[in-house]
C-alpha cells in the first residue's frame, strides 16, 4: 500500500506540472496571436495584414536608392570620404 500511495502522490505532482506547462503554452500562443504571427488553417494570417507596395512606389524607391549609391560612389572617388 505504501508504494501505491507514493505512485498516487507522484502522479498528482506530475499532473500539477503538466497543468502549469499547459498554462504557459496557452500564454505563449495568446501572445503570438496578439502579435499577428498566428496563421489560420487555410494559410491566411490572423491579425495584421501584410503591406503591399505598388509597382510605381517600388520603382520610385529603386530610383532613389540608385541615386544615393551613385552620390556615395562619386564622393568616394573624389576622396571626400
PDB file of N, CA and C in Angstrom:
ATOM      1  N   UNK A   1       0.806  -1.188   0.000  1.00  0.00           N
ATOM      2  CA  UNK A   1       0.000   0.000   0.000  1.00  0.00           C
ATOM      3  C   UNK A   1       0.856   1.261   0.000  1.00  0.00           C
ATOM      4  N   UNK A   2       2.024   1.193   0.594  1.00  0.00           N
ATOM      5  CA  UNK A   2       2.903   2.349   0.647  1.00  0.00           C
ATOM      6  C   UNK A   2       3.360   2.738  -0.760  1.00  0.00           C
ATOM      7  N   UNK A   3       3.625   1.744  -1.599  1.00  0.00           N
ATOM      8  CA  UNK A   3       4.061   2.004  -2.973  1.00  0.00           C
ATOM      9  C   UNK A   3       2.917   2.658  -3.757  1.00  0.00           C
ATOM     10  N   UNK A   4       1.716   2.180  -3.569  1.00  0.00           N
ATOM     11  CA  UNK A   4       0.554   2.737  -4.257  1.00  0.00           C
ATOM     12  C   UNK A   4       0.338   4.209  -3.867  1.00  0.00           C
ATOM     13  N   UNK A   5       0.500   4.520  -2.616  1.00  0.00           N
ATOM     14  CA  UNK A   5       0.345   5.901  -2.152  1.00  0.00           C
ATOM     15  C   UNK A   5       1.436   6.787  -2.740  1.00  0.00           C
ATOM     16  N   UNK A   6       2.661   6.261  -2.827  1.00  0.00           N
ATOM     17  CA  UNK A   6       3.762   7.026  -3.405  1.00  0.00           C
ATOM     18  C   UNK A   6       3.520   7.285  -4.887  1.00  0.00           C
ATOM     19  N   UNK A   7       2.990   6.292  -5.583  1.00  0.00           N
ATOM     20  CA  UNK A   7       2.696   6.459  -7.008  1.00  0.00           C
ATOM     21  C   UNK A   7       1.590   7.487  -7.222  1.00  0.00           C
ATOM     22  N   UNK A   8       0.574   7.452  -6.392  1.00  0.00           N
ATOM     23  CA  UNK A   8      -0.505   8.438  -6.497  1.00  0.00           C
ATOM     24  C   UNK A   8       0.008   9.843  -6.231  1.00  0.00           C
ATOM     25  N   UNK A   9       0.897   9.970  -5.264  1.00  0.00           N
ATOM     26  CA  UNK A   9       1.471  11.270  -4.937  1.00  0.00           C
ATOM     27  C   UNK A   9       2.324  11.781  -6.105  1.00  0.00           C
ATOM     28  N   UNK A  10       3.109  10.877  -6.704  1.00  0.00           N
ATOM     29  CA  UNK A  10       3.940  11.251  -7.845  1.00  0.00           C
ATOM     30  C   UNK A  10       3.065  11.640  -9.040  1.00  0.00           C
ATOM     31  N   UNK A  11       1.980  10.905  -9.239  1.00  0.00           N
ATOM     32  CA  UNK A  11       1.051  11.229 -10.330  1.00  0.00           C
ATOM     33  C   UNK A  11       0.445  12.608 -10.132  1.00  0.00           C
ATOM     34  N   UNK A  12       0.061  12.927  -8.928  1.00  0.00           N
ATOM     35  CA  UNK A  12      -0.516  14.240  -8.629  1.00  0.00           C
ATOM     36  C   UNK A  12       0.503  15.349  -8.886  1.00  0.00           C
ATOM     37  N   UNK A  13       1.755  15.094  -8.510  1.00  0.00           N
ATOM     38  CA  UNK A  13       2.812  16.083  -8.712  1.00  0.00           C
ATOM     39  C   UNK A  13       3.044  16.319 -10.207  1.00  0.00           C
ATOM     40  N   UNK A  14       3.091  15.239 -10.979  1.00  0.00           N
ATOM     41  CA  UNK A  14       3.303  15.363 -12.417  1.00  0.00           C
ATOM     42  C   UNK A  14       2.106  16.022 -13.100  1.00  0.00           C
ATOM     43  N   UNK A  15       0.915  15.733 -12.631  1.00  0.00           N
ATOM     44  CA  UNK A  15      -0.282  16.361 -13.193  1.00  0.00           C
ATOM     45  C   UNK A  15      -0.258  17.861 -12.953  1.00  0.00           C
ATOM     46  N   UNK A  16       0.208  18.269 -11.786  1.00  0.00           N
ATOM     47  CA  UNK A  16       0.306  19.692 -11.457  1.00  0.00           C
ATOM     48  C   UNK A  16       1.324  20.377 -12.376  1.00  0.00           C
ATOM     49  N   UNK A  17       2.464  19.700 -12.633  1.00  0.00           N
ATOM     50  CA  UNK A  17       3.468  20.249 -13.536  1.00  0.00           C
ATOM     51  C   UNK A  17       2.923  20.357 -14.956  1.00  0.00           C
ATOM     52  N   UNK A  18       2.182  19.324 -15.391  1.00  0.00           N
ATOM     53  CA  UNK A  18       1.602  19.330 -16.737  1.00  0.00           C
ATOM     54  C   UNK A  18       0.613  20.479 -16.894  1.00  0.00           C
ATOM     55  N   UNK A  19      -0.191  20.721 -15.873  1.00  0.00           N
ATOM     56  CA  UNK A  19      -1.142  21.829 -15.921  1.00  0.00           C
ATOM     57  C   UNK A  19      -0.422  23.167 -16.024  1.00  0.00           C
ATOM     58  N   UNK A  20       0.673  23.298 -15.296  1.00  0.00           N
ATOM     59  CA  UNK A  20       1.446  24.534 -15.327  1.00  0.00           C
ATOM     60  C   UNK A  20       2.051  24.759 -16.715  1.00  0.00           C
ATOM     61  N   UNK A  21       2.570  23.692 -17.319  1.00  0.00           N
ATOM     62  CA  UNK A  21       3.160  23.794 -18.656  1.00  0.00           C
ATOM     63  C   UNK A  21       2.084  24.133 -19.684  1.00  0.00           C
ATOM     64  N   UNK A  22       0.892  23.516 -19.562  1.00  0.00           N
ATOM     65  CA  UNK A  22      -0.209  23.829 -20.479  1.00  0.00           C
ATOM     66  C   UNK A  22      -0.593  25.305 -20.375  1.00  0.00           C
ATOM     67  N   UNK A  23      -0.618  25.811 -19.156  1.00  0.00           N
ATOM     68  CA  UNK A  23      -0.966  27.214 -18.940  1.00  0.00           C
ATOM     69  C   UNK A  23       0.080  28.133 -19.590  1.00  0.00           C
ATOM     70  N   UNK A  24       1.361  27.794 -19.441  1.00  0.00           N
ATOM     71  CA  UNK A  24       2.419  28.592 -20.063  1.00  0.00           C
ATOM     72  C   UNK A  24       2.329  28.527 -21.582  1.00  0.00           C
ATOM     73  N   UNK A  25       2.036  27.349 -22.121  1.00  0.00           N
ATOM     74  CA  UNK A  25       1.906  27.188 -23.559  1.00  0.00           C
ATOM     75  C   UNK A  25       0.746  28.020 -24.091  1.00  0.00           C
ATOM     76  N   UNK A  26      -0.363  28.027 -23.376  1.00  0.00           N
ATOM     77  CA  UNK A  26      -1.505  28.842 -23.789  1.00  0.00           C
ATOM     78  C   UNK A  26      -1.162  30.332 -23.761  1.00  0.00           C
ATOM     79  N   UNK A  27      -0.371  30.753 -22.793  1.00  0.00           N
ATOM     80  CA  UNK A  27       0.040  32.153 -22.713  1.00  0.00           C
ATOM     81  C   UNK A  27       0.924  32.524 -23.904  1.00  0.00           C
ATOM     82  N   UNK A  28       1.831  31.630 -24.281  1.00  0.00           N
ATOM     83  CA  UNK A  28       2.713  31.878 -25.425  1.00  0.00           C
ATOM     84  C   UNK A  28       1.894  31.940 -26.716  1.00  0.00           C
ATOM     85  N   UNK A  29       0.936  31.026 -26.871  1.00  0.00           N
ATOM     86  CA  UNK A  29       0.087  31.038 -28.068  1.00  0.00           C
ATOM     87  C   UNK A  29      -0.741  32.312 -28.144  1.00  0.00           C
ATOM     88  N   UNK A  30      -1.236  32.768 -27.014  1.00  0.00           N
ATOM     89  CA  UNK A  30      -2.014  34.004 -26.993  1.00  0.00           C
ATOM     90  C   UNK A  30      -1.141  35.198 -27.383  1.00  0.00           C
ATOM     91  N   UNK A  31       0.084  35.211 -26.900  1.00  0.00           N
ATOM     92  CA  UNK A  31       0.999  36.307 -27.244  1.00  0.00           C
ATOM     93  C   UNK A  31       1.301  36.301 -28.736  1.00  0.00           C
ATOM     94  N   UNK A  32       1.523  35.117 -29.309  1.00  0.00           N
ATOM     95  CA  UNK A  32       1.787  35.023 -30.753  1.00  0.00           C
ATOM     96  C   UNK A  32       0.591  35.513 -31.548  1.00  0.00           C
ATOM     97  N   UNK A  33      -0.599  35.174 -31.095  1.00  0.00           N
ATOM     98  CA  UNK A  33      -1.803  35.590 -31.803  1.00  0.00           C
ATOM     99  C   UNK A  33      -1.963  37.109 -31.749  1.00  0.00           C
ATOM    100  N   UNK A  34      -1.674  37.685 -30.598  1.00  0.00           N
ATOM    101  CA  UNK A  34      -1.771  39.138 -30.446  1.00  0.00           C
ATOM    102  C   UNK A  34      -0.780  39.845 -31.362  1.00  0.00           C
ATOM    103  N   UNK A  35       0.410  39.288 -31.492  1.00  0.00           N
ATOM    104  CA  UNK A  35       1.437  39.901 -32.325  1.00  0.00           C
ATOM    105  C   UNK A  35       1.198  39.681 -33.811  1.00  0.00           C
ATOM    106  N   UNK A  36       0.185  38.901 -34.175  1.00  0.00           N
ATOM    107  CA  UNK A  36      -0.146  38.731 -35.583  1.00  0.00           C
ATOM    108  C   UNK A  36       0.697  37.703 -36.291  1.00  0.00           C
ATOM    109  N   UNK A  37       1.344  36.809 -35.563  1.00  0.00           N
ATOM    110  CA  UNK A  37       2.187  35.798 -36.183  1.00  0.00           C
ATOM    111  C   UNK A  37       1.439  34.489 -36.406  1.00  0.00           C
ATOM    112  N   UNK A  38       0.247  34.400 -35.866  1.00  0.00           N
ATOM    113  CA  UNK A  38      -0.528  33.163 -35.961  1.00  0.00           C
ATOM    114  C   UNK A  38      -1.087  33.031 -37.372  1.00  0.00           C
ATOM    115  N   UNK A  39      -1.059  31.833 -37.899  1.00  0.00           N
ATOM    116  CA  UNK A  39      -1.582  31.568 -39.236  1.00  0.00           C
ATOM    117  C   UNK A  39      -2.768  30.627 -39.098  1.00  0.00           C
ATOM    118  N   UNK A  40      -3.836  30.950 -39.766  1.00  0.00           N
ATOM    119  CA  UNK A  40      -5.036  30.120 -39.709  1.00  0.00           C
ATOM    120  C   UNK A  40      -4.817  28.846 -40.509  1.00  0.00           C
ATOM    121  N   UNK A  41      -5.733  27.919 -40.394  1.00  0.00           N
ATOM    122  CA  UNK A  41      -5.601  26.633 -41.070  1.00  0.00           C
ATOM    123  C   UNK A  41      -5.534  26.762 -42.580  1.00  0.00           C
ATOM    124  N   UNK A  42      -6.203  27.751 -43.162  1.00  0.00           N
ATOM    125  CA  UNK A  42      -6.208  27.931 -44.607  1.00  0.00           C
ATOM    126  C   UNK A  42      -4.983  28.659 -45.120  1.00  0.00           C
ATOM    127  N   UNK A  43      -4.032  28.979 -44.265  1.00  0.00           N
ATOM    128  CA  UNK A  43      -2.822  29.680 -44.679  1.00  0.00           C
ATOM    129  C   UNK A  43      -2.960  31.190 -44.630  1.00  0.00           C
ATOM    130  N   UNK A  44      -4.109  31.680 -44.160  1.00  0.00           N
ATOM    131  CA  UNK A  44      -4.300  33.122 -44.065  1.00  0.00           C
ATOM    132  C   UNK A  44      -3.813  33.607 -42.713  1.00  0.00           C
ATOM    133  N   UNK A  45      -3.199  34.789 -42.718  1.00  0.00           N
ATOM    134  CA  UNK A  45      -2.692  35.367 -41.477  1.00  0.00           C
ATOM    135  C   UNK A  45      -3.839  35.900 -40.636  1.00  0.00           C
ATOM    136  N   UNK A  46      -3.679  35.790 -39.329  1.00  0.00           N
ATOM    137  CA  UNK A  46      -4.630  36.368 -38.389  1.00  0.00           C
ATOM    138  C   UNK A  46      -3.961  37.590 -37.793  1.00  0.00           C
ATOM    139  N   UNK A  47      -4.665  38.680 -37.753  1.00  0.00           N
ATOM    140  CA  UNK A  47      -4.085  39.890 -37.173  1.00  0.00           C
ATOM    141  C   UNK A  47      -3.729  40.882 -38.265  1.00  0.00           C
ATOM    142  N   UNK A  48      -2.565  41.438 -38.174  1.00  0.00           N
ATOM    143  CA  UNK A  48      -2.152  42.462 -39.134  1.00  0.00           C
ATOM    144  C   UNK A  48      -1.964  41.866 -40.525  1.00  0.00           C
ATOM    145  N   UNK A  49      -2.364  42.645 -41.530  1.00  0.00           N
ATOM    146  CA  UNK A  49      -2.203  42.205 -42.906  1.00  0.00           C
ATOM    147  C   UNK A  49      -0.843  42.646 -43.428  1.00  0.00           C
ATOM    148  N   UNK A  50      -0.327  41.889 -44.370  1.00  0.00           N
ATOM    149  CA  UNK A  50       0.955  42.210 -44.977  1.00  0.00           C
ATOM    150  C   UNK A  50       0.786  43.443 -45.863  1.00  0.00           C
ATOM    151  N   UNK A  51       1.717  44.382 -45.755  1.00  0.00           N
ATOM    152  CA  UNK A  51       1.632  45.597 -46.543  1.00  0.00           C
ATOM    153  C   UNK A  51       2.126  45.324 -47.956  1.00  0.00           C
ATOM    154  N   UNK A  52       1.447  45.896 -48.925  1.00  0.00           N
ATOM    155  CA  UNK A  52       1.788  45.688 -50.322  1.00  0.00           C
ATOM    156  C   UNK A  52       2.187  47.032 -50.915  1.00  0.00           C
ATOM    157  N   UNK A  53       3.301  47.027 -51.633  1.00  0.00           N
ATOM    158  CA  UNK A  53       3.790  48.250 -52.258  1.00  0.00           C
ATOM    159  C   UNK A  53       3.459  48.204 -53.748  1.00  0.00           C
ATOM    160  N   UNK A  54       2.977  49.298 -54.286  1.00  0.00           N
ATOM    161  CA  UNK A  54       2.638  49.338 -55.707  1.00  0.00           C
ATOM    162  C   UNK A  54       3.912  49.312 -56.539  1.00  0.00           C
ATOM    163  N   UNK A  55       3.765  48.952 -57.795  1.00  0.00           N
ATOM    164  CA  UNK A  55       4.948  48.883 -58.665  1.00  0.00           C
ATOM    165  C   UNK A  55       5.530  50.276 -58.894  1.00  0.00           C
ATOM    166  N   UNK A  56       4.683  51.296 -58.916  1.00  0.00           N
ATOM    167  CA  UNK A  56       5.177  52.668 -59.090  1.00  0.00           C
ATOM    168  C   UNK A  56       6.016  53.093 -57.884  1.00  0.00           C
ATOM    169  N   UNK A  57       5.534  52.766 -56.686  1.00  0.00           N
ATOM    170  CA  UNK A  57       6.281  53.109 -55.474  1.00  0.00           C
ATOM    171  C   UNK A  57       7.585  52.329 -55.415  1.00  0.00           C
ATOM    172  N   UNK A  58       7.543  51.074 -55.835  1.00  0.00           N
ATOM    173  CA  UNK A  58       8.762  50.251 -55.844  1.00  0.00           C
ATOM    174  C   UNK A  58       9.798  50.840 -56.815  1.00  0.00           C
ATOM    175  N   UNK A  59       9.343  51.280 -57.990  1.00  0.00           N
ATOM    176  CA  UNK A  59      10.248  51.888 -58.976  1.00  0.00           C
ATOM    177  C   UNK A  59      10.828  53.189 -58.439  1.00  0.00           C
ATOM    178  N   UNK A  60       9.995  53.990 -57.781  1.00  0.00           N
ATOM    179  CA  UNK A  60      10.454  55.260 -57.213  1.00  0.00           C
ATOM    180  C   UNK A  60      11.527  55.017 -56.145  1.00  0.00           C
ATOM    181  N   UNK A  61      11.291  54.023 -55.277  1.00  0.00           N
ATOM    182  CA  UNK A  61      12.283  53.693 -54.254  1.00  0.00           C
ATOM    183  C   UNK A  61      13.573  53.184 -54.875  1.00  0.00           C
ATOM    184  N   UNK A  62      13.458  52.367 -55.907  1.00  0.00           N
ATOM    185  CA  UNK A  62      14.649  51.849 -56.578  1.00  0.00           C
ATOM    186  C   UNK A  62      15.469  52.959 -57.199  1.00  0.00           C
ATOM    187  N   UNK A  63      14.791  53.903 -57.824  1.00  0.00           N
ATOM    188  CA  UNK A  63      15.484  55.037 -58.448  1.00  0.00           C
ATOM    189  C   UNK A  63      16.210  55.876 -57.395  1.00  0.00           C
ATOM    190  N   UNK A  64      15.526  56.153 -56.290  1.00  0.00           N
ATOM    191  CA  UNK A  64      16.126  56.955 -55.218  1.00  0.00           C
ATOM    192  C   UNK A  64      17.335  56.236 -54.616  1.00  0.00           C
ATOM    193  N   UNK A  65      17.244  54.917 -54.470  1.00  0.00           N
ATOM    194  CA  UNK A  65      18.362  54.148 -53.921  1.00  0.00           C
ATOM    195  C   UNK A  65      19.568  54.207 -54.856  1.00  0.00           C
ATOM    196  N   UNK A  66      19.321  54.057 -56.147  1.00  0.00           N
ATOM    197  CA  UNK A  66      20.422  54.144 -57.121  1.00  0.00           C
ATOM    198  C   UNK A  66      21.080  55.513 -57.089  1.00  0.00           C
ATOM    199  N   UNK A  67      20.271  56.559 -56.950  1.00  0.00           N
ATOM    200  CA  UNK A  67      20.826  57.916 -56.860  1.00  0.00           C
ATOM    201  C   UNK A  67      21.678  58.094 -55.602  1.00  0.00           C
ATOM    202  N   UNK A  68      21.222  57.549 -54.474  1.00  0.00           N
ATOM    203  CA  UNK A  68      22.007  57.643 -53.236  1.00  0.00           C
ATOM    204  C   UNK A  68      23.347  56.926 -53.383  1.00  0.00           C
ATOM    205  N   UNK A  69      23.322  55.729 -53.947  1.00  0.00           N
ATOM    206  CA  UNK A  69      24.569  54.981 -54.129  1.00  0.00           C
ATOM    207  C   UNK A  69      25.502  55.688 -55.113  1.00  0.00           C
ATOM    208  N   UNK A  70      24.947  56.266 -56.168  1.00  0.00           N
ATOM    209  CA  UNK A  70      25.780  56.993 -57.127  1.00  0.00           C
ATOM    210  C   UNK A  70      26.450  58.186 -56.453  1.00  0.00           C
ATOM    211  N   UNK A  71      25.703  58.878 -55.614  1.00  0.00           N
ATOM    212  CA  UNK A  71      26.252  60.025 -54.875  1.00  0.00           C
ATOM    213  C   UNK A  71      27.369  59.563 -53.937  1.00  0.00           C
ATOM    214  N   UNK A  72      27.167  58.443 -53.260  1.00  0.00           N
ATOM    215  CA  UNK A  72      28.183  57.908 -52.358  1.00  0.00           C
ATOM    216  C   UNK A  72      29.450  57.508 -53.116  1.00  0.00           C
ATOM    217  N   UNK A  73      29.264  56.847 -54.245  1.00  0.00           N
ATOM    218  CA  UNK A  73      30.432  56.429 -55.041  1.00  0.00           C
ATOM    219  C   UNK A  73      31.194  57.634 -55.586  1.00  0.00           C
ATOM    220  N   UNK A  74      30.465  58.666 -56.006  1.00  0.00           N
ATOM    221  CA  UNK A  74      31.108  59.874 -56.516  1.00  0.00           C
ATOM    222  C   UNK A  74      31.919  60.551 -55.412  1.00  0.00           C
ATOM    223  N   UNK A  75      31.367  60.611 -54.217  1.00  0.00           N
ATOM    224  CA  UNK A  75      32.082  61.231 -53.097  1.00  0.00           C
ATOM    225  C   UNK A  75      33.306  60.399 -52.732  1.00  0.00           C
ATOM    226  N   UNK A  76      33.205  59.103 -52.820  1.00  0.00           N
ATOM    227  CA  UNK A  76      34.330  58.232 -52.503  1.00  0.00           C
ATOM    228  C   UNK A  76      35.431  58.358 -53.549  1.00  0.00           C
ATOM    229  N   UNK A  77      35.036  58.514 -54.801  1.00  0.00           N
ATOM    230  CA  UNK A  77      36.010  58.653 -55.883  1.00  0.00           C
ATOM    231  C   UNK A  77      36.777  59.973 -55.745  1.00  0.00           C
ATOM    232  N   UNK A  78      36.129  61.014 -55.268  1.00  0.00           N
ATOM    233  CA  UNK A  78      36.801  62.306 -55.077  1.00  0.00           C
ATOM    234  C   UNK A  78      37.686  62.311 -53.847  1.00  0.00           C
ATOM    235  N   UNK A  79      37.509  61.336 -52.973  1.00  0.00           N
ATOM    236  CA  UNK A  79      38.317  61.252 -51.775  1.00  0.00           C
ATOM    237  C   UNK A  79      37.782  62.045 -50.615  1.00  0.00           C
ATOM    238  N   UNK A  80      36.538  62.421 -50.667  1.00  0.00           N
ATOM    239  CA  UNK A  80      35.926  63.171 -49.576  1.00  0.00           C
ATOM    240  C   UNK A  80      35.607  62.304 -48.383  1.00  0.00           C
ATOM    241  N   UNK A  81      35.516  61.045 -48.602  1.00  0.00           N
ATOM    242  CA  UNK A  81      35.102  60.158 -47.525  1.00  0.00           C
ATOM    243  C   UNK A  81      36.249  59.596 -46.806  1.00  0.00           C
TER     244      UNK A  81
END
